[in-house]
Amino acid sequence: QVQLVESGGGLVQAGASLRLSCAGSGRTFSSVVMGWFRQAPGKEREFVAAISWSGGITTYADSVKGRFAASRDNAKNTMYLQMNSLKDEDTAVYYCAAREGSALVVYQHRYDYWGQGTQVTVSS
């Protein structure tokens, strides 16, 4: 089984940047699609970003396009989410996820493995 652990969350001011990391164990990330999701207080979990096996193809939710960027380092079994120009609306627990196959998908039920999440709080 794949174990995923998120890190890098914290408390930041609006307009600041954070980079989240997702470290995997149990197998390499080289043949799985990775995704980021988030869940804000009182809201359902929502899609943020997905990235292909090689990192060459990404897709993003409209709410974060132009501000967030996903990347991955398969040699380190690690995925990243660079978050810039953070807004208070970005406050949430951020989760990384992985799925078997090559298709980039935005539906959380299509992902097979999940981390426990890391808290991001943006203060305005």
PDB file of N, CA and C in Angstrom:
ATOM      1  N   GLN A   1       0.841  -1.191   0.000  1.00  0.00           N
ATOM      2  CA  GLN A   1       0.000   0.000   0.000  1.00  0.00           C
ATOM      3  C   GLN A   1       0.880   1.245   0.000  1.00  0.00           C
ATOM      4  N   VAL A   2       0.331   2.328  -0.525  1.00  0.00           N
ATOM      5  CA  VAL A   2       1.038   3.591  -0.588  1.00  0.00           C
ATOM      6  C   VAL A   2       0.672   4.423   0.628  1.00  0.00           C
ATOM      7  N   GLN A   3       1.690   4.935   1.298  1.00  0.00           N
ATOM      8  CA  GLN A   3       1.500   5.857   2.401  1.00  0.00           C
ATOM      9  C   GLN A   3       1.879   7.260   1.939  1.00  0.00           C
ATOM     10  N   LEU A   4       1.040   8.243   2.223  1.00  0.00           N
ATOM     11  CA  LEU A   4       1.267   9.622   1.819  1.00  0.00           C
ATOM     12  C   LEU A   4       1.238  10.516   3.045  1.00  0.00           C
ATOM     13  N   VAL A   5       2.199  11.429   3.125  1.00  0.00           N
ATOM     14  CA  VAL A   5       2.294  12.352   4.248  1.00  0.00           C
ATOM     15  C   VAL A   5       2.507  13.757   3.717  1.00  0.00           C
ATOM     16  N   GLU A   6       1.585  14.667   4.046  1.00  0.00           N
ATOM     17  CA  GLU A   6       1.693  16.064   3.642  1.00  0.00           C
ATOM     18  C   GLU A   6       2.459  16.850   4.701  1.00  0.00           C
ATOM     19  N   SER A   7       3.130  17.909   4.246  1.00  0.00           N
ATOM     20  CA  SER A   7       3.800  18.821   5.156  1.00  0.00           C
ATOM     21  C   SER A   7       3.908  20.186   4.487  1.00  0.00           C
ATOM     22  N   GLY A   8       4.270  21.190   5.260  1.00  0.00           N
ATOM     23  CA  GLY A   8       4.495  22.519   4.729  1.00  0.00           C
ATOM     24  C   GLY A   8       3.406  23.524   5.010  1.00  0.00           C
ATOM     25  N   GLY A   9       2.316  23.095   5.605  1.00  0.00           N
ATOM     26  CA  GLY A   9       1.258  24.026   5.935  1.00  0.00           C
ATOM     27  C   GLY A   9       1.653  24.945   7.071  1.00  0.00           C
ATOM     28  N   GLY A  10       0.847  25.969   7.285  1.00  0.00           N
ATOM     29  CA  GLY A  10       1.134  26.911   8.349  1.00  0.00           C
ATOM     30  C   GLY A  10       0.227  28.117   8.293  1.00  0.00           C
ATOM     31  N   LEU A  11       0.581  29.116   9.087  1.00  0.00           N
ATOM     32  CA  LEU A  11      -0.159  30.371   9.169  1.00  0.00           C
ATOM     33  C   LEU A  11       0.585  31.432   8.376  1.00  0.00           C
ATOM     34  N   VAL A  12      -0.103  32.064   7.419  1.00  0.00           N
ATOM     35  CA  VAL A  12       0.525  33.085   6.586  1.00  0.00           C
ATOM     36  C   VAL A  12      -0.432  34.249   6.388  1.00  0.00           C
ATOM     37  N   GLN A  13       0.130  35.382   5.990  1.00  0.00           N
ATOM     38  CA  GLN A  13      -0.670  36.550   5.659  1.00  0.00           C
ATOM     39  C   GLN A  13      -1.170  36.460   4.224  1.00  0.00           C
ATOM     40  N   ALA A  14      -2.294  37.085   3.961  1.00  0.00           N
ATOM     41  CA  ALA A  14      -2.797  37.160   2.599  1.00  0.00           C
ATOM     42  C   ALA A  14      -1.739  37.752   1.675  1.00  0.00           C
ATOM     43  N   GLY A  15      -1.594  37.160   0.498  1.00  0.00           N
ATOM     44  CA  GLY A  15      -0.589  37.582  -0.455  1.00  0.00           C
ATOM     45  C   GLY A  15       0.719  36.824  -0.356  1.00  0.00           C
ATOM     46  N   ALA A  16       0.907  36.063   0.707  1.00  0.00           N
ATOM     47  CA  ALA A  16       2.136  35.306   0.906  1.00  0.00           C
ATOM     48  C   ALA A  16       2.117  34.009   0.101  1.00  0.00           C
ATOM     49  N   SER A  17       3.213  33.268   0.190  1.00  0.00           N
ATOM     50  CA  SER A  17       3.369  32.004  -0.517  1.00  0.00           C
ATOM     51  C   SER A  17       3.704  30.884   0.444  1.00  0.00           C
ATOM     52  N   LEU A  18       3.317  29.680   0.064  1.00  0.00           N
ATOM     53  CA  LEU A  18       3.681  28.459   0.764  1.00  0.00           C
ATOM     54  C   LEU A  18       3.945  27.376  -0.265  1.00  0.00           C
ATOM     55  N   ARG A  19       4.802  26.436   0.087  1.00  0.00           N
ATOM     56  CA  ARG A  19       4.976  25.250  -0.725  1.00  0.00           C
ATOM     57  C   ARG A  19       4.687  24.020   0.122  1.00  0.00           C
ATOM     58  N   LEU A  20       3.687  23.262  -0.293  1.00  0.00           N
ATOM     59  CA  LEU A  20       3.341  22.024   0.370  1.00  0.00           C
ATOM     60  C   LEU A  20       4.096  20.866  -0.261  1.00  0.00           C
ATOM     61  N   SER A  21       4.410  19.867   0.545  1.00  0.00           N
ATOM     62  CA  SER A  21       5.063  18.663   0.067  1.00  0.00           C
ATOM     63  C   SER A  21       4.223  17.452   0.420  1.00  0.00           C
ATOM     64  N   CYS A  22       4.294  16.445  -0.415  1.00  0.00           N
ATOM     65  CA  CYS A  22       3.638  15.167  -0.175  1.00  0.00           C
ATOM     66  C   CYS A  22       4.662  14.078  -0.405  1.00  0.00           C
ATOM     67  N   ALA A  23       5.071  13.422   0.654  1.00  0.00           N
ATOM     68  CA  ALA A  23       6.074  12.371   0.586  1.00  0.00           C
ATOM     69  C   ALA A  23       5.406  11.004   0.610  1.00  0.00           C
ATOM     70  N   GLY A  24       5.818  10.141  -0.305  1.00  0.00           N
ATOM     71  CA  GLY A  24       5.251   8.817  -0.401  1.00  0.00           C
ATOM     72  C   GLY A  24       6.214   7.733   0.030  1.00  0.00           C
ATOM     73  N   SER A  25       5.658   6.624   0.471  1.00  0.00           N
ATOM     74  CA  SER A  25       6.437   5.439   0.793  1.00  0.00           C
ATOM     75  C   SER A  25       5.636   4.209   0.397  1.00  0.00           C
ATOM     76  N   GLY A  26       6.321   3.085   0.301  1.00  0.00           N
ATOM     77  CA  GLY A  26       5.667   1.850  -0.089  1.00  0.00           C
ATOM     78  C   GLY A  26       5.791   1.525  -1.568  1.00  0.00           C
ATOM     79  N   ARG A  27       5.944   2.538  -2.381  1.00  0.00           N
ATOM     80  CA  ARG A  27       6.178   2.383  -3.805  1.00  0.00           C
ATOM     81  C   ARG A  27       6.562   3.729  -4.396  1.00  0.00           C
ATOM     82  N   THR A  28       7.064   3.700  -5.612  1.00  0.00           N
ATOM     83  CA  THR A  28       7.417   4.927  -6.306  1.00  0.00           C
ATOM     84  C   THR A  28       6.180   5.628  -6.851  1.00  0.00           C
ATOM     85  N   PHE A  29       6.303   6.929  -7.077  1.00  0.00           N
ATOM     86  CA  PHE A  29       5.240   7.709  -7.712  1.00  0.00           C
ATOM     87  C   PHE A  29       5.311   7.689  -9.231  1.00  0.00           C
ATOM     88  N   SER A  30       6.258   6.963  -9.791  1.00  0.00           N
ATOM     89  CA  SER A  30       6.554   7.101 -11.207  1.00  0.00           C
ATOM     90  C   SER A  30       5.426   6.653 -12.128  1.00  0.00           C
ATOM     91  N   SER A  31       4.495   5.851 -11.644  1.00  0.00           N
ATOM     92  CA  SER A  31       3.410   5.374 -12.490  1.00  0.00           C
ATOM     93  C   SER A  31       2.031   5.650 -11.905  1.00  0.00           C
ATOM     94  N   VAL A  32       1.928   6.677 -11.078  1.00  0.00           N
ATOM     95  CA  VAL A  32       0.631   7.075 -10.543  1.00  0.00           C
ATOM     96  C   VAL A  32       0.404   8.556 -10.815  1.00  0.00           C
ATOM     97  N   VAL A  33      -0.850   8.892 -11.033  1.00  0.00           N
ATOM     98  CA  VAL A  33      -1.255  10.287 -11.118  1.00  0.00           C
ATOM     99  C   VAL A  33      -1.441  10.806  -9.703  1.00  0.00           C
ATOM    100  N   MET A  34      -0.975  12.010  -9.461  1.00  0.00           N
ATOM    101  CA  MET A  34      -1.088  12.615  -8.146  1.00  0.00           C
ATOM    102  C   MET A  34      -2.049  13.797  -8.196  1.00  0.00           C
ATOM    103  N   GLY A  35      -2.713  14.034  -7.090  1.00  0.00           N
ATOM    104  CA  GLY A  35      -3.626  15.157  -7.007  1.00  0.00           C
ATOM    105  C   GLY A  35      -3.572  15.842  -5.661  1.00  0.00           C
ATOM    106  N   TRP A  36      -4.046  17.078  -5.650  1.00  0.00           N
ATOM    107  CA  TRP A  36      -4.223  17.852  -4.423  1.00  0.00           C
ATOM    108  C   TRP A  36      -5.690  18.215  -4.278  1.00  0.00           C
ATOM    109  N   PHE A  37      -6.194  18.058  -3.071  1.00  0.00           N
ATOM    110  CA  PHE A  37      -7.550  18.459  -2.721  1.00  0.00           C
ATOM    111  C   PHE A  37      -7.494  19.288  -1.444  1.00  0.00           C
ATOM    112  N   ARG A  38      -8.569  20.005  -1.161  1.00  0.00           N
ATOM    113  CA  ARG A  38      -8.626  20.766   0.079  1.00  0.00           C
ATOM    114  C   ARG A  38     -10.039  20.775   0.621  1.00  0.00           C
ATOM    115  N   GLN A  39     -10.139  20.982   1.930  1.00  0.00           N
ATOM    116  CA  GLN A  39     -11.435  21.049   2.582  1.00  0.00           C
ATOM    117  C   GLN A  39     -11.423  22.197   3.576  1.00  0.00           C
ATOM    118  N   ALA A  40     -12.246  23.199   3.307  1.00  0.00           N
ATOM    119  CA  ALA A  40     -12.384  24.350   4.179  1.00  0.00           C
ATOM    120  C   ALA A  40     -13.454  24.081   5.229  1.00  0.00           C
ATOM    121  N   PRO A  41     -13.427  24.821   6.340  1.00  0.00           N
ATOM    122  CA  PRO A  41     -14.446  24.620   7.369  1.00  0.00           C
ATOM    123  C   PRO A  41     -15.856  24.785   6.818  1.00  0.00           C
ATOM    124  N   GLY A  42     -16.705  23.819   7.098  1.00  0.00           N
ATOM    125  CA  GLY A  42     -18.084  23.883   6.660  1.00  0.00           C
ATOM    126  C   GLY A  42     -18.320  23.584   5.198  1.00  0.00           C
ATOM    127  N   LYS A  43     -17.287  23.192   4.462  1.00  0.00           N
ATOM    128  CA  LYS A  43     -17.416  22.915   3.043  1.00  0.00           C
ATOM    129  C   LYS A  43     -16.974  21.493   2.730  1.00  0.00           C
ATOM    130  N   GLU A  44     -17.402  21.011   1.577  1.00  0.00           N
ATOM    131  CA  GLU A  44     -16.987  19.698   1.120  1.00  0.00           C
ATOM    132  C   GLU A  44     -15.580  19.760   0.549  1.00  0.00           C
ATOM    133  N   ARG A  45     -14.927  18.618   0.523  1.00  0.00           N
ATOM    134  CA  ARG A  45     -13.604  18.537  -0.060  1.00  0.00           C
ATOM    135  C   ARG A  45     -13.681  18.845  -1.553  1.00  0.00           C
ATOM    136  N   GLU A  46     -12.735  19.648  -2.052  1.00  0.00           N
ATOM    137  CA  GLU A  46     -12.759  20.052  -3.441  1.00  0.00           C
ATOM    138  C   GLU A  46     -11.407  19.825  -4.110  1.00  0.00           C
ATOM    139  N   PHE A  47     -11.464  19.661  -5.416  1.00  0.00           N
ATOM    140  CA  PHE A  47     -10.269  19.458  -6.223  1.00  0.00           C
ATOM    141  C   PHE A  47      -9.457  20.735  -6.310  1.00  0.00           C
ATOM    142  N   VAL A  48      -8.126  20.586  -6.278  1.00  0.00           N
ATOM    143  CA  VAL A  48      -7.220  21.716  -6.432  1.00  0.00           C
ATOM    144  C   VAL A  48      -6.347  21.562  -7.675  1.00  0.00           C
ATOM    145  N   ALA A  49      -5.639  20.433  -7.797  1.00  0.00           N
ATOM    146  CA  ALA A  49      -4.698  20.244  -8.895  1.00  0.00           C
ATOM    147  C   ALA A  49      -4.431  18.771  -9.103  1.00  0.00           C
ATOM    148  N   ALA A  50      -4.005  18.412 -10.311  1.00  0.00           N
ATOM    149  CA  ALA A  50      -3.557  17.062 -10.613  1.00  0.00           C
ATOM    150  C   ALA A  50      -2.349  17.145 -11.526  1.00  0.00           C
ATOM    151  N   ILE A  51      -1.493  16.126 -11.472  1.00  0.00           N
ATOM    152  CA  ILE A  51      -0.255  16.125 -12.238  1.00  0.00           C
ATOM    153  C   ILE A  51       0.031  14.732 -12.763  1.00  0.00           C
ATOM    154  N   SER A  52       0.524  14.664 -14.003  1.00  0.00           N
ATOM    155  CA  SER A  52       0.763  13.400 -14.672  1.00  0.00           C
ATOM    156  C   SER A  52       1.999  12.695 -14.135  1.00  0.00           C
ATOM    157  N   TRP A  53       2.241  11.480 -14.656  1.00  0.00           N
ATOM    158  CA  TRP A  53       3.368  10.666 -14.209  1.00  0.00           C
ATOM    159  C   TRP A  53       4.689  11.420 -14.240  1.00  0.00           C
ATOM    160  N   SER A  54       4.953  12.094 -15.346  1.00  0.00           N
ATOM    161  CA  SER A  54       6.229  12.771 -15.535  1.00  0.00           C
ATOM    162  C   SER A  54       6.241  14.188 -14.983  1.00  0.00           C
ATOM    163  N   GLY A  55       5.085  14.708 -14.646  1.00  0.00           N
ATOM    164  CA  GLY A  55       4.986  16.092 -14.225  1.00  0.00           C
ATOM    165  C   GLY A  55       4.797  17.065 -15.370  1.00  0.00           C
ATOM    166  N   GLY A  56       4.728  16.557 -16.601  1.00  0.00           N
ATOM    167  CA  GLY A  56       4.637  17.421 -17.753  1.00  0.00           C
ATOM    168  C   GLY A  56       3.252  17.964 -18.040  1.00  0.00           C
ATOM    169  N   ILE A  57       2.229  17.368 -17.470  1.00  0.00           N
ATOM    170  CA  ILE A  57       0.856  17.796 -17.687  1.00  0.00           C
ATOM    171  C   ILE A  57       0.210  18.051 -16.344  1.00  0.00           C
ATOM    172  N   THR A  58      -0.422  19.195 -16.207  1.00  0.00           N
ATOM    173  CA  THR A  58      -1.125  19.548 -14.980  1.00  0.00           C
ATOM    174  C   THR A  58      -2.484  20.124 -15.306  1.00  0.00           C
ATOM    175  N   THR A  59      -3.383  20.051 -14.356  1.00  0.00           N
ATOM    176  CA  THR A  59      -4.679  20.697 -14.470  1.00  0.00           C
ATOM    177  C   THR A  59      -5.047  21.267 -13.108  1.00  0.00           C
ATOM    178  N   TYR A  60      -5.796  22.369 -13.113  1.00  0.00           N
ATOM    179  CA  TYR A  60      -6.080  23.095 -11.891  1.00  0.00           C
ATOM    180  C   TYR A  60      -7.538  23.505 -11.825  1.00  0.00           C
ATOM    181  N   ALA A  61      -8.020  23.633 -10.591  1.00  0.00           N
ATOM    182  CA  ALA A  61      -9.328  24.232 -10.388  1.00  0.00           C
ATOM    183  C   ALA A  61      -9.284  25.697 -10.800  1.00  0.00           C
ATOM    184  N   ASP A  62     -10.408  26.205 -11.304  1.00  0.00           N
ATOM    185  CA  ASP A  62     -10.454  27.598 -11.739  1.00  0.00           C
ATOM    186  C   ASP A  62     -10.064  28.564 -10.625  1.00  0.00           C
ATOM    187  N   SER A  63     -10.385  28.225  -9.399  1.00  0.00           N
ATOM    188  CA  SER A  63     -10.138  29.120  -8.282  1.00  0.00           C
ATOM    189  C   SER A  63      -8.659  29.327  -7.973  1.00  0.00           C
ATOM    190  N   VAL A  64      -7.787  28.435  -8.474  1.00  0.00           N
ATOM    191  CA  VAL A  64      -6.364  28.543  -8.170  1.00  0.00           C
ATOM    192  C   VAL A  64      -5.497  28.720  -9.412  1.00  0.00           C
ATOM    193  N   LYS A  65      -6.078  28.716 -10.596  1.00  0.00           N
ATOM    194  CA  LYS A  65      -5.295  28.879 -11.821  1.00  0.00           C
ATOM    195  C   LYS A  65      -4.528  30.193 -11.802  1.00  0.00           C
ATOM    196  N   GLY A  66      -3.266  30.116 -12.175  1.00  0.00           N
ATOM    197  CA  GLY A  66      -2.413  31.287 -12.185  1.00  0.00           C
ATOM    198  C   GLY A  66      -1.759  31.587 -10.862  1.00  0.00           C
ATOM    199  N   ARG A  67      -2.189  30.908  -9.798  1.00  0.00           N
ATOM    200  CA  ARG A  67      -1.623  31.149  -8.475  1.00  0.00           C
ATOM    201  C   ARG A  67      -0.904  29.917  -7.915  1.00  0.00           C
ATOM    202  N   PHE A  68      -1.433  28.736  -8.195  1.00  0.00           N
ATOM    203  CA  PHE A  68      -0.871  27.491  -7.671  1.00  0.00           C
ATOM    204  C   PHE A  68      -0.192  26.723  -8.788  1.00  0.00           C
ATOM    205  N   ALA A  69       0.848  25.972  -8.457  1.00  0.00           N
ATOM    206  CA  ALA A  69       1.547  25.140  -9.421  1.00  0.00           C
ATOM    207  C   ALA A  69       1.966  23.827  -8.768  1.00  0.00           C
ATOM    208  N   ALA A  70       1.571  22.728  -9.378  1.00  0.00           N
ATOM    209  CA  ALA A  70       1.956  21.409  -8.897  1.00  0.00           C
ATOM    210  C   ALA A  70       3.209  20.929  -9.624  1.00  0.00           C
ATOM    211  N   SER A  71       4.044  20.190  -8.927  1.00  0.00           N
ATOM    212  CA  SER A  71       5.227  19.581  -9.520  1.00  0.00           C
ATOM    213  C   SER A  71       5.520  18.291  -8.773  1.00  0.00           C
ATOM    214  N   ARG A  72       6.423  17.482  -9.325  1.00  0.00           N
ATOM    215  CA  ARG A  72       6.765  16.231  -8.659  1.00  0.00           C
ATOM    216  C   ARG A  72       8.196  15.850  -8.956  1.00  0.00           C
ATOM    217  N   ASP A  73       8.793  15.162  -8.012  1.00  0.00           N
ATOM    218  CA  ASP A  73      10.142  14.632  -8.143  1.00  0.00           C
ATOM    219  C   ASP A  73      10.038  13.143  -7.859  1.00  0.00           C
ATOM    220  N   ASN A  74       9.944  12.356  -8.918  1.00  0.00           N
ATOM    221  CA  ASN A  74       9.711  10.926  -8.746  1.00  0.00           C
ATOM    222  C   ASN A  74      10.897  10.214  -8.096  1.00  0.00           C
ATOM    223  N   ALA A  75      12.103  10.719  -8.300  1.00  0.00           N
ATOM    224  CA  ALA A  75      13.272  10.121  -7.661  1.00  0.00           C
ATOM    225  C   ALA A  75      13.181  10.216  -6.148  1.00  0.00           C
ATOM    226  N   LYS A  76      12.484  11.232  -5.654  1.00  0.00           N
ATOM    227  CA  LYS A  76      12.302  11.417  -4.224  1.00  0.00           C
ATOM    228  C   LYS A  76      10.927  10.971  -3.737  1.00  0.00           C
ATOM    229  N   ASN A  77      10.101  10.464  -4.647  1.00  0.00           N
ATOM    230  CA  ASN A  77       8.726  10.083  -4.313  1.00  0.00           C
ATOM    231  C   ASN A  77       8.001  11.226  -3.598  1.00  0.00           C
ATOM    232  N   THR A  78       8.132  12.416  -4.160  1.00  0.00           N
ATOM    233  CA  THR A  78       7.580  13.604  -3.530  1.00  0.00           C
ATOM    234  C   THR A  78       6.854  14.458  -4.560  1.00  0.00           C
ATOM    235  N   MET A  79       5.700  14.986  -4.163  1.00  0.00           N
ATOM    236  CA  MET A  79       4.939  15.931  -4.958  1.00  0.00           C
ATOM    237  C   MET A  79       4.862  17.243  -4.196  1.00  0.00           C
ATOM    238  N   TYR A  80       4.786  18.343  -4.944  1.00  0.00           N
ATOM    239  CA  TYR A  80       4.760  19.668  -4.343  1.00  0.00           C
ATOM    240  C   TYR A  80       3.567  20.462  -4.857  1.00  0.00           C
ATOM    241  N   LEU A  81       3.126  21.396  -4.051  1.00  0.00           N
ATOM    242  CA  LEU A  81       2.138  22.377  -4.476  1.00  0.00           C
ATOM    243  C   LEU A  81       2.646  23.752  -4.058  1.00  0.00           C
ATOM    244  N   GLN A  82       3.083  24.529  -5.048  1.00  0.00           N
ATOM    245  CA  GLN A  82       3.511  25.895  -4.802  1.00  0.00           C
ATOM    246  C   GLN A  82       2.283  26.791  -4.827  1.00  0.00           C
ATOM    247  N   MET A  83       2.038  27.503  -3.744  1.00  0.00           N
ATOM    248  CA  MET A  83       0.863  28.349  -3.610  1.00  0.00           C
ATOM    249  C   MET A  83       1.323  29.788  -3.452  1.00  0.00           C
ATOM    250  N   ASN A  84       0.947  30.624  -4.401  1.00  0.00           N
ATOM    251  CA  ASN A  84       1.307  32.036  -4.390  1.00  0.00           C
ATOM    252  C   ASN A  84       0.060  32.900  -4.276  1.00  0.00           C
ATOM    253  N   SER A  85       0.259  34.137  -3.869  1.00  0.00           N
ATOM    254  CA  SER A  85      -0.842  35.101  -3.757  1.00  0.00           C
ATOM    255  C   SER A  85      -2.009  34.519  -2.977  1.00  0.00           C
ATOM    256  N   LEU A  86      -1.711  33.972  -1.828  1.00  0.00           N
ATOM    257  CA  LEU A  86      -2.731  33.292  -1.046  1.00  0.00           C
ATOM    258  C   LEU A  86      -3.806  34.257  -0.562  1.00  0.00           C
ATOM    259  N   LYS A  87      -5.032  33.758  -0.549  1.00  0.00           N
ATOM    260  CA  LYS A  87      -6.199  34.502  -0.097  1.00  0.00           C
ATOM    261  C   LYS A  87      -6.793  33.815   1.122  1.00  0.00           C
ATOM    262  N   ASP A  88      -7.608  34.559   1.879  1.00  0.00           N
ATOM    263  CA  ASP A  88      -8.231  33.928   3.031  1.00  0.00           C
ATOM    264  C   ASP A  88      -9.144  32.777   2.608  1.00  0.00           C
ATOM    265  N   GLU A  89      -9.666  32.836   1.391  1.00  0.00           N
ATOM    266  CA  GLU A  89     -10.493  31.760   0.872  1.00  0.00           C
ATOM    267  C   GLU A  89      -9.725  30.461   0.653  1.00  0.00           C
ATOM    268  N   ASP A  90      -8.389  30.535   0.669  1.00  0.00           N
ATOM    269  CA  ASP A  90      -7.571  29.340   0.510  1.00  0.00           C
ATOM    270  C   ASP A  90      -7.389  28.582   1.818  1.00  0.00           C
ATOM    271  N   THR A  91      -7.859  29.134   2.915  1.00  0.00           N
ATOM    272  CA  THR A  91      -7.743  28.459   4.203  1.00  0.00           C
ATOM    273  C   THR A  91      -8.473  27.121   4.157  1.00  0.00           C
ATOM    274  N   ALA A  92      -7.753  26.053   4.457  1.00  0.00           N
ATOM    275  CA  ALA A  92      -8.315  24.710   4.370  1.00  0.00           C
ATOM    276  C   ALA A  92      -7.283  23.707   4.840  1.00  0.00           C
ATOM    277  N   VAL A  93      -7.729  22.481   5.035  1.00  0.00           N
ATOM    278  CA  VAL A  93      -6.821  21.358   5.165  1.00  0.00           C
ATOM    279  C   VAL A  93      -6.547  20.846   3.761  1.00  0.00           C
ATOM    280  N   TYR A  94      -5.279  20.738   3.402  1.00  0.00           N
ATOM    281  CA  TYR A  94      -4.880  20.298   2.078  1.00  0.00           C
ATOM    282  C   TYR A  94      -4.434  18.841   2.127  1.00  0.00           C
ATOM    283  N   TYR A  95      -4.958  18.051   1.205  1.00  0.00           N
ATOM    284  CA  TYR A  95      -4.679  16.627   1.135  1.00  0.00           C
ATOM    285  C   TYR A  95      -4.000  16.286  -0.183  1.00  0.00           C
ATOM    286  N   CYS A  96      -3.014  15.414  -0.142  1.00  0.00           N
ATOM    287  CA  CYS A  96      -2.504  14.855  -1.385  1.00  0.00           C
ATOM    288  C   CYS A  96      -3.108  13.479  -1.596  1.00  0.00           C
ATOM    289  N   ALA A  97      -3.182  13.072  -2.849  1.00  0.00           N
ATOM    290  CA  ALA A  97      -3.805  11.810  -3.209  1.00  0.00           C
ATOM    291  C   ALA A  97      -3.109  11.230  -4.427  1.00  0.00           C
ATOM    292  N   ALA A  98      -3.287   9.937  -4.632  1.00  0.00           N
ATOM    293  CA  ALA A  98      -2.705   9.251  -5.775  1.00  0.00           C
ATOM    294  C   ALA A  98      -3.706   8.260  -6.346  1.00  0.00           C
ATOM    295  N   ARG A  99      -3.615   8.035  -7.654  1.00  0.00           N
ATOM    296  CA  ARG A  99      -4.460   7.046  -8.295  1.00  0.00           C
ATOM    297  C   ARG A  99      -3.668   6.249  -9.307  1.00  0.00           C
ATOM    298  N   GLU A 100      -4.038   5.009  -9.484  1.00  0.00           N
ATOM    299  CA  GLU A 100      -3.453   4.174 -10.518  1.00  0.00           C
ATOM    300  C   GLU A 100      -3.939   4.646 -11.880  1.00  0.00           C
ATOM    301  N   GLY A 101      -3.087   4.547 -12.879  1.00  0.00           N
ATOM    302  CA  GLY A 101      -3.464   4.925 -14.226  1.00  0.00           C
ATOM    303  C   GLY A 101      -2.827   6.225 -14.656  1.00  0.00           C
ATOM    304  N   SER A 102      -3.201   6.673 -15.858  1.00  0.00           N
ATOM    305  CA  SER A 102      -2.577   7.844 -16.452  1.00  0.00           C
ATOM    306  C   SER A 102      -3.503   9.036 -16.614  1.00  0.00           C
ATOM    307  N   ALA A 103      -4.795   8.862 -16.421  1.00  0.00           N
ATOM    308  CA  ALA A 103      -5.743   9.940 -16.638  1.00  0.00           C
ATOM    309  C   ALA A 103      -5.745  10.912 -15.468  1.00  0.00           C
ATOM    310  N   LEU A 104      -5.680  12.198 -15.788  1.00  0.00           N
ATOM    311  CA  LEU A 104      -5.833  13.233 -14.766  1.00  0.00           C
ATOM    312  C   LEU A 104      -7.318  13.432 -14.509  1.00  0.00           C
ATOM    313  N   VAL A 105      -7.741  13.244 -13.269  1.00  0.00           N
ATOM    314  CA  VAL A 105      -9.153  13.350 -12.921  1.00  0.00           C
ATOM    315  C   VAL A 105      -9.327  14.312 -11.761  1.00  0.00           C
ATOM    316  N   VAL A 106     -10.536  14.854 -11.646  1.00  0.00           N
ATOM    317  CA  VAL A 106     -10.830  15.849 -10.619  1.00  0.00           C
ATOM    318  C   VAL A 106     -11.777  15.326  -9.556  1.00  0.00           C
ATOM    319  N   TYR A 107     -12.216  14.097  -9.664  1.00  0.00           N
ATOM    320  CA  TYR A 107     -13.183  13.526  -8.731  1.00  0.00           C
ATOM    321  C   TYR A 107     -12.457  12.777  -7.621  1.00  0.00           C
ATOM    322  N   GLN A 108     -12.735  13.134  -6.392  1.00  0.00           N
ATOM    323  CA  GLN A 108     -11.997  12.550  -5.287  1.00  0.00           C
ATOM    324  C   GLN A 108     -12.208  11.053  -5.150  1.00  0.00           C
ATOM    325  N   HIS A 109     -13.376  10.555  -5.549  1.00  0.00           N
ATOM    326  CA  HIS A 109     -13.624   9.124  -5.409  1.00  0.00           C
ATOM    327  C   HIS A 109     -12.813   8.300  -6.396  1.00  0.00           C
ATOM    328  N   ARG A 110     -12.196   8.930  -7.370  1.00  0.00           N
ATOM    329  CA  ARG A 110     -11.356   8.237  -8.345  1.00  0.00           C
ATOM    330  C   ARG A 110      -9.926   8.031  -7.845  1.00  0.00           C
ATOM    331  N   TYR A 111      -9.585   8.603  -6.718  1.00  0.00           N
ATOM    332  CA  TYR A 111      -8.243   8.461  -6.156  1.00  0.00           C
ATOM    333  C   TYR A 111      -8.200   7.334  -5.141  1.00  0.00           C
ATOM    334  N   ASP A 112      -7.082   6.617  -5.127  1.00  0.00           N
ATOM    335  CA  ASP A 112      -6.954   5.391  -4.353  1.00  0.00           C
ATOM    336  C   ASP A 112      -6.272   5.568  -3.002  1.00  0.00           C
ATOM    337  N   TYR A 113      -5.372   6.521  -2.900  1.00  0.00           N
ATOM    338  CA  TYR A 113      -4.573   6.700  -1.696  1.00  0.00           C
ATOM    339  C   TYR A 113      -4.622   8.151  -1.249  1.00  0.00           C
ATOM    340  N   TRP A 114      -4.655   8.352   0.062  1.00  0.00           N
ATOM    341  CA  TRP A 114      -4.800   9.685   0.635  1.00  0.00           C
ATOM    342  C   TRP A 114      -3.884   9.893   1.823  1.00  0.00           C
ATOM    343  N   GLY A 115      -3.369  11.111   1.949  1.00  0.00           N
ATOM    344  CA  GLY A 115      -2.674  11.501   3.153  1.00  0.00           C
ATOM    345  C   GLY A 115      -3.649  12.012   4.201  1.00  0.00           C
ATOM    346  N   GLN A 116      -3.115  12.400   5.349  1.00  0.00           N
ATOM    347  CA  GLN A 116      -3.942  12.870   6.456  1.00  0.00           C
ATOM    348  C   GLN A 116      -4.200  14.369   6.430  1.00  0.00           C
ATOM    349  N   GLY A 117      -3.510  15.096   5.574  1.00  0.00           N
ATOM    350  CA  GLY A 117      -3.757  16.510   5.406  1.00  0.00           C
ATOM    351  C   GLY A 117      -2.799  17.395   6.182  1.00  0.00           C
ATOM    352  N   THR A 118      -2.647  18.625   5.697  1.00  0.00           N
ATOM    353  CA  THR A 118      -1.863  19.644   6.374  1.00  0.00           C
ATOM    354  C   THR A 118      -2.651  20.949   6.349  1.00  0.00           C
ATOM    355  N   GLN A 119      -2.682  21.632   7.479  1.00  0.00           N
ATOM    356  CA  GLN A 119      -3.514  22.827   7.625  1.00  0.00           C
ATOM    357  C   GLN A 119      -2.821  24.048   7.033  1.00  0.00           C
ATOM    358  N   VAL A 120      -3.547  24.776   6.199  1.00  0.00           N
ATOM    359  CA  VAL A 120      -3.111  26.069   5.687  1.00  0.00           C
ATOM    360  C   VAL A 120      -4.110  27.110   6.160  1.00  0.00           C
ATOM    361  N   THR A 121      -3.623  28.121   6.859  1.00  0.00           N
ATOM    362  CA  THR A 121      -4.478  29.198   7.341  1.00  0.00           C
ATOM    363  C   THR A 121      -3.938  30.521   6.831  1.00  0.00           C
ATOM    364  N   VAL A 122      -4.779  31.273   6.130  1.00  0.00           N
ATOM    365  CA  VAL A 122      -4.403  32.555   5.552  1.00  0.00           C
ATOM    366  C   VAL A 122      -5.157  33.647   6.302  1.00  0.00           C
ATOM    367  N   SER A 123      -4.412  34.594   6.834  1.00  0.00           N
ATOM    368  CA  SER A 123      -4.984  35.685   7.608  1.00  0.00           C
ATOM    369  C   SER A 123      -4.955  36.970   6.794  1.00  0.00           C
ATOM    370  N   SER A 124      -6.081  37.660   6.745  1.00  0.00           N
ATOM    371  CA  SER A 124      -6.167  38.945   6.060  1.00  0.00           C
ATOM    372  C   SER A 124      -6.162  40.104   7.031  1.00  0.00           C
TER     373      SER A 124
END
